[in-house]
């Protein structure tokens, strides 16, 4: 299950976490985001206890998108120890996202 991240809880939950994060930057109107969404949710269940998975609605939380220079969605950020360790822009198959997460565990 992906955690809904907002400007109010982002720093506390993500930047101070001892576990890696997979964060999906998306919007309701974004077609490719709807393709990636179920994959992100699935990864949240599969990596429970090892990694954290979250979603940021860029329309509701533009400050986070600006902070990380998100210009296109979907964008998936992989954050470890408060730093962006990897990034994926656009809809991709699940194995691509898993391949970026695994080295961070």
C-alpha atoms as a PDB file:
ATOM      1  CA  UNK A   1       0.000   0.000   0.000  1.00  0.00           C
ATOM      2  CA  UNK A   2       1.443   3.351  -1.013  1.00  0.00           C
ATOM      3  CA  UNK A   3       1.537   6.164   1.546  1.00  0.00           C
ATOM      4  CA  UNK A   4      -0.003   9.469   0.456  1.00  0.00           C
ATOM      5  CA  UNK A   5       2.764  12.043   0.837  1.00  0.00           C
ATOM      6  CA  UNK A   6       1.999  15.744   1.207  1.00  0.00           C
ATOM      7  CA  UNK A   7       3.942  18.923   1.773  1.00  0.00           C
ATOM      8  CA  UNK A   8       2.980  18.610   5.455  1.00  0.00           C
ATOM      9  CA  UNK A   9       4.400  15.117   6.039  1.00  0.00           C
ATOM     10  CA  UNK A  10       7.075  14.667   3.340  1.00  0.00           C
ATOM     11  CA  UNK A  11      10.192  15.785   5.234  1.00  0.00           C
ATOM     12  CA  UNK A  12       9.282  13.895   8.397  1.00  0.00           C
ATOM     13  CA  UNK A  13       8.406  10.638   6.631  1.00  0.00           C
ATOM     14  CA  UNK A  14      10.855  10.581   3.726  1.00  0.00           C
ATOM     15  CA  UNK A  15      13.905  12.698   4.462  1.00  0.00           C
ATOM     16  CA  UNK A  16      14.404  11.286   7.969  1.00  0.00           C
ATOM     17  CA  UNK A  17      13.723   7.642   7.083  1.00  0.00           C
ATOM     18  CA  UNK A  18      16.257   4.868   7.577  1.00  0.00           C
ATOM     19  CA  UNK A  19      14.593   2.828   4.798  1.00  0.00           C
ATOM     20  CA  UNK A  20      14.698   3.559   1.069  1.00  0.00           C
ATOM     21  CA  UNK A  21      11.632   5.166  -0.516  1.00  0.00           C
ATOM     22  CA  UNK A  22      10.011   4.667  -3.908  1.00  0.00           C
ATOM     23  CA  UNK A  23       7.955   7.801  -4.606  1.00  0.00           C
ATOM     24  CA  UNK A  24       5.512   8.097  -7.489  1.00  0.00           C
ATOM     25  CA  UNK A  25       4.879  11.684  -8.621  1.00  0.00           C
ATOM     26  CA  UNK A  26       1.510  11.620 -10.408  1.00  0.00           C
ATOM     27  CA  UNK A  27      -1.713  13.489 -11.175  1.00  0.00           C
ATOM     28  CA  UNK A  28      -5.314  12.383 -11.612  1.00  0.00           C
ATOM     29  CA  UNK A  29      -5.470  13.573 -15.240  1.00  0.00           C
ATOM     30  CA  UNK A  30      -2.264  11.754 -16.293  1.00  0.00           C
ATOM     31  CA  UNK A  31      -2.925   8.641 -18.402  1.00  0.00           C
ATOM     32  CA  UNK A  32       0.539   7.054 -18.043  1.00  0.00           C
ATOM     33  CA  UNK A  33       0.309   7.666 -14.267  1.00  0.00           C
ATOM     34  CA  UNK A  34      -2.727   5.375 -14.174  1.00  0.00           C
ATOM     35  CA  UNK A  35      -0.607   2.645 -15.782  1.00  0.00           C
ATOM     36  CA  UNK A  36       2.212   3.006 -13.225  1.00  0.00           C
ATOM     37  CA  UNK A  37      -0.054   3.407 -10.173  1.00  0.00           C
ATOM     38  CA  UNK A  38      -0.978  -0.287  -9.757  1.00  0.00           C
ATOM     39  CA  UNK A  39       2.692  -1.290 -10.125  1.00  0.00           C
ATOM     40  CA  UNK A  40       3.684   1.143  -7.367  1.00  0.00           C
ATOM     41  CA  UNK A  41       0.905  -0.177  -5.109  1.00  0.00           C
ATOM     42  CA  UNK A  42       2.048  -3.756  -5.767  1.00  0.00           C
ATOM     43  CA  UNK A  43       5.642  -2.863  -4.893  1.00  0.00           C
ATOM     44  CA  UNK A  44       4.386  -1.319  -1.651  1.00  0.00           C
ATOM     45  CA  UNK A  45       2.946  -4.685  -0.638  1.00  0.00           C
ATOM     46  CA  UNK A  46       5.895  -6.748  -1.868  1.00  0.00           C
ATOM     47  CA  UNK A  47       8.575  -4.644  -0.175  1.00  0.00           C
ATOM     48  CA  UNK A  48       6.717  -4.058   3.083  1.00  0.00           C
ATOM     49  CA  UNK A  49       9.245  -3.913   5.925  1.00  0.00           C
ATOM     50  CA  UNK A  50      12.182  -3.436   3.522  1.00  0.00           C
ATOM     51  CA  UNK A  51      11.289  -0.240   1.656  1.00  0.00           C
ATOM     52  CA  UNK A  52       8.579   2.403   1.818  1.00  0.00           C
ATOM     53  CA  UNK A  53       6.408   3.373  -1.113  1.00  0.00           C
ATOM     54  CA  UNK A  54       4.610   6.682  -1.469  1.00  0.00           C
ATOM     55  CA  UNK A  55       2.677   8.809  -3.918  1.00  0.00           C
ATOM     56  CA  UNK A  56       2.765  12.578  -4.382  1.00  0.00           C
ATOM     57  CA  UNK A  57      -0.119  14.242  -6.230  1.00  0.00           C
ATOM     58  CA  UNK A  58       1.735  17.060  -8.011  1.00  0.00           C
ATOM     59  CA  UNK A  59      -1.425  19.154  -8.386  1.00  0.00           C
ATOM     60  CA  UNK A  60      -2.062  19.155  -4.623  1.00  0.00           C
ATOM     61  CA  UNK A  61       1.614  19.334  -3.582  1.00  0.00           C
ATOM     62  CA  UNK A  62       3.466  21.475  -6.132  1.00  0.00           C
ATOM     63  CA  UNK A  63       6.169  22.451  -3.621  1.00  0.00           C
ATOM     64  CA  UNK A  64       7.537  18.904  -3.449  1.00  0.00           C
ATOM     65  CA  UNK A  65       7.559  18.614  -7.239  1.00  0.00           C
ATOM     66  CA  UNK A  66       9.449  21.913  -7.532  1.00  0.00           C
ATOM     67  CA  UNK A  67      11.943  20.881  -4.819  1.00  0.00           C
ATOM     68  CA  UNK A  68      12.908  17.780  -6.814  1.00  0.00           C
ATOM     69  CA  UNK A  69      12.673  19.363 -10.268  1.00  0.00           C
ATOM     70  CA  UNK A  70       9.796  17.165 -11.408  1.00  0.00           C
ATOM     71  CA  UNK A  71       8.815  18.390 -14.869  1.00  0.00           C
ATOM     72  CA  UNK A  72       7.200  15.292 -16.349  1.00  0.00           C
ATOM     73  CA  UNK A  73       4.910  12.725 -14.797  1.00  0.00           C
ATOM     74  CA  UNK A  74       4.902   9.991 -13.932  1.00  0.00           C
ATOM     75  CA  UNK A  75       8.317  10.343 -12.333  1.00  0.00           C
ATOM     76  CA  UNK A  76       9.464   7.796  -9.777  1.00  0.00           C
ATOM     77  CA  UNK A  77      12.171   8.884  -7.338  1.00  0.00           C
ATOM     78  CA  UNK A  78      14.223   6.416  -5.324  1.00  0.00           C
ATOM     79  CA  UNK A  79      15.340   8.133  -2.125  1.00  0.00           C
ATOM     80  CA  UNK A  80      17.805   6.686   0.378  1.00  0.00           C
ATOM     81  CA  UNK A  81      19.222   8.487   3.415  1.00  0.00           C
ATOM     82  CA  UNK A  82      17.475  11.711   2.378  1.00  0.00           C
ATOM     83  CA  UNK A  83      19.098  11.773  -1.078  1.00  0.00           C
ATOM     84  CA  UNK A  84      17.787  10.925  -4.539  1.00  0.00           C
ATOM     85  CA  UNK A  85      19.577   7.676  -5.399  1.00  0.00           C
ATOM     86  CA  UNK A  86      17.831   7.050  -8.723  1.00  0.00           C
ATOM     87  CA  UNK A  87      15.008   8.328 -10.901  1.00  0.00           C
ATOM     88  CA  UNK A  88      12.678   7.004 -13.585  1.00  0.00           C
ATOM     89  CA  UNK A  89      10.660   9.298 -15.843  1.00  0.00           C
ATOM     90  CA  UNK A  90       7.726   7.850 -17.759  1.00  0.00           C
ATOM     91  CA  UNK A  91       5.775   4.624 -17.594  1.00  0.00           C
ATOM     92  CA  UNK A  92       7.985   1.525 -17.522  1.00  0.00           C
ATOM     93  CA  UNK A  93       7.505  -2.166 -16.723  1.00  0.00           C
ATOM     94  CA  UNK A  94       7.675  -3.259 -13.097  1.00  0.00           C
ATOM     95  CA  UNK A  95      11.047  -5.013 -13.507  1.00  0.00           C
ATOM     96  CA  UNK A  96      12.682  -1.665 -14.356  1.00  0.00           C
ATOM     97  CA  UNK A  97      11.491  -0.150 -11.067  1.00  0.00           C
ATOM     98  CA  UNK A  98      12.438  -3.271  -9.098  1.00  0.00           C
ATOM     99  CA  UNK A  99      15.894  -3.148 -10.704  1.00  0.00           C
ATOM    100  CA  UNK A 100      16.381   0.395  -9.422  1.00  0.00           C
ATOM    101  CA  UNK A 101      15.090  -0.408  -5.906  1.00  0.00           C
ATOM    102  CA  UNK A 102      16.947  -3.667  -5.233  1.00  0.00           C
ATOM    103  CA  UNK A 103      20.467  -2.144  -5.003  1.00  0.00           C
ATOM    104  CA  UNK A 104      19.202   0.314  -2.360  1.00  0.00           C
ATOM    105  CA  UNK A 105      18.014  -2.394   0.043  1.00  0.00           C
END
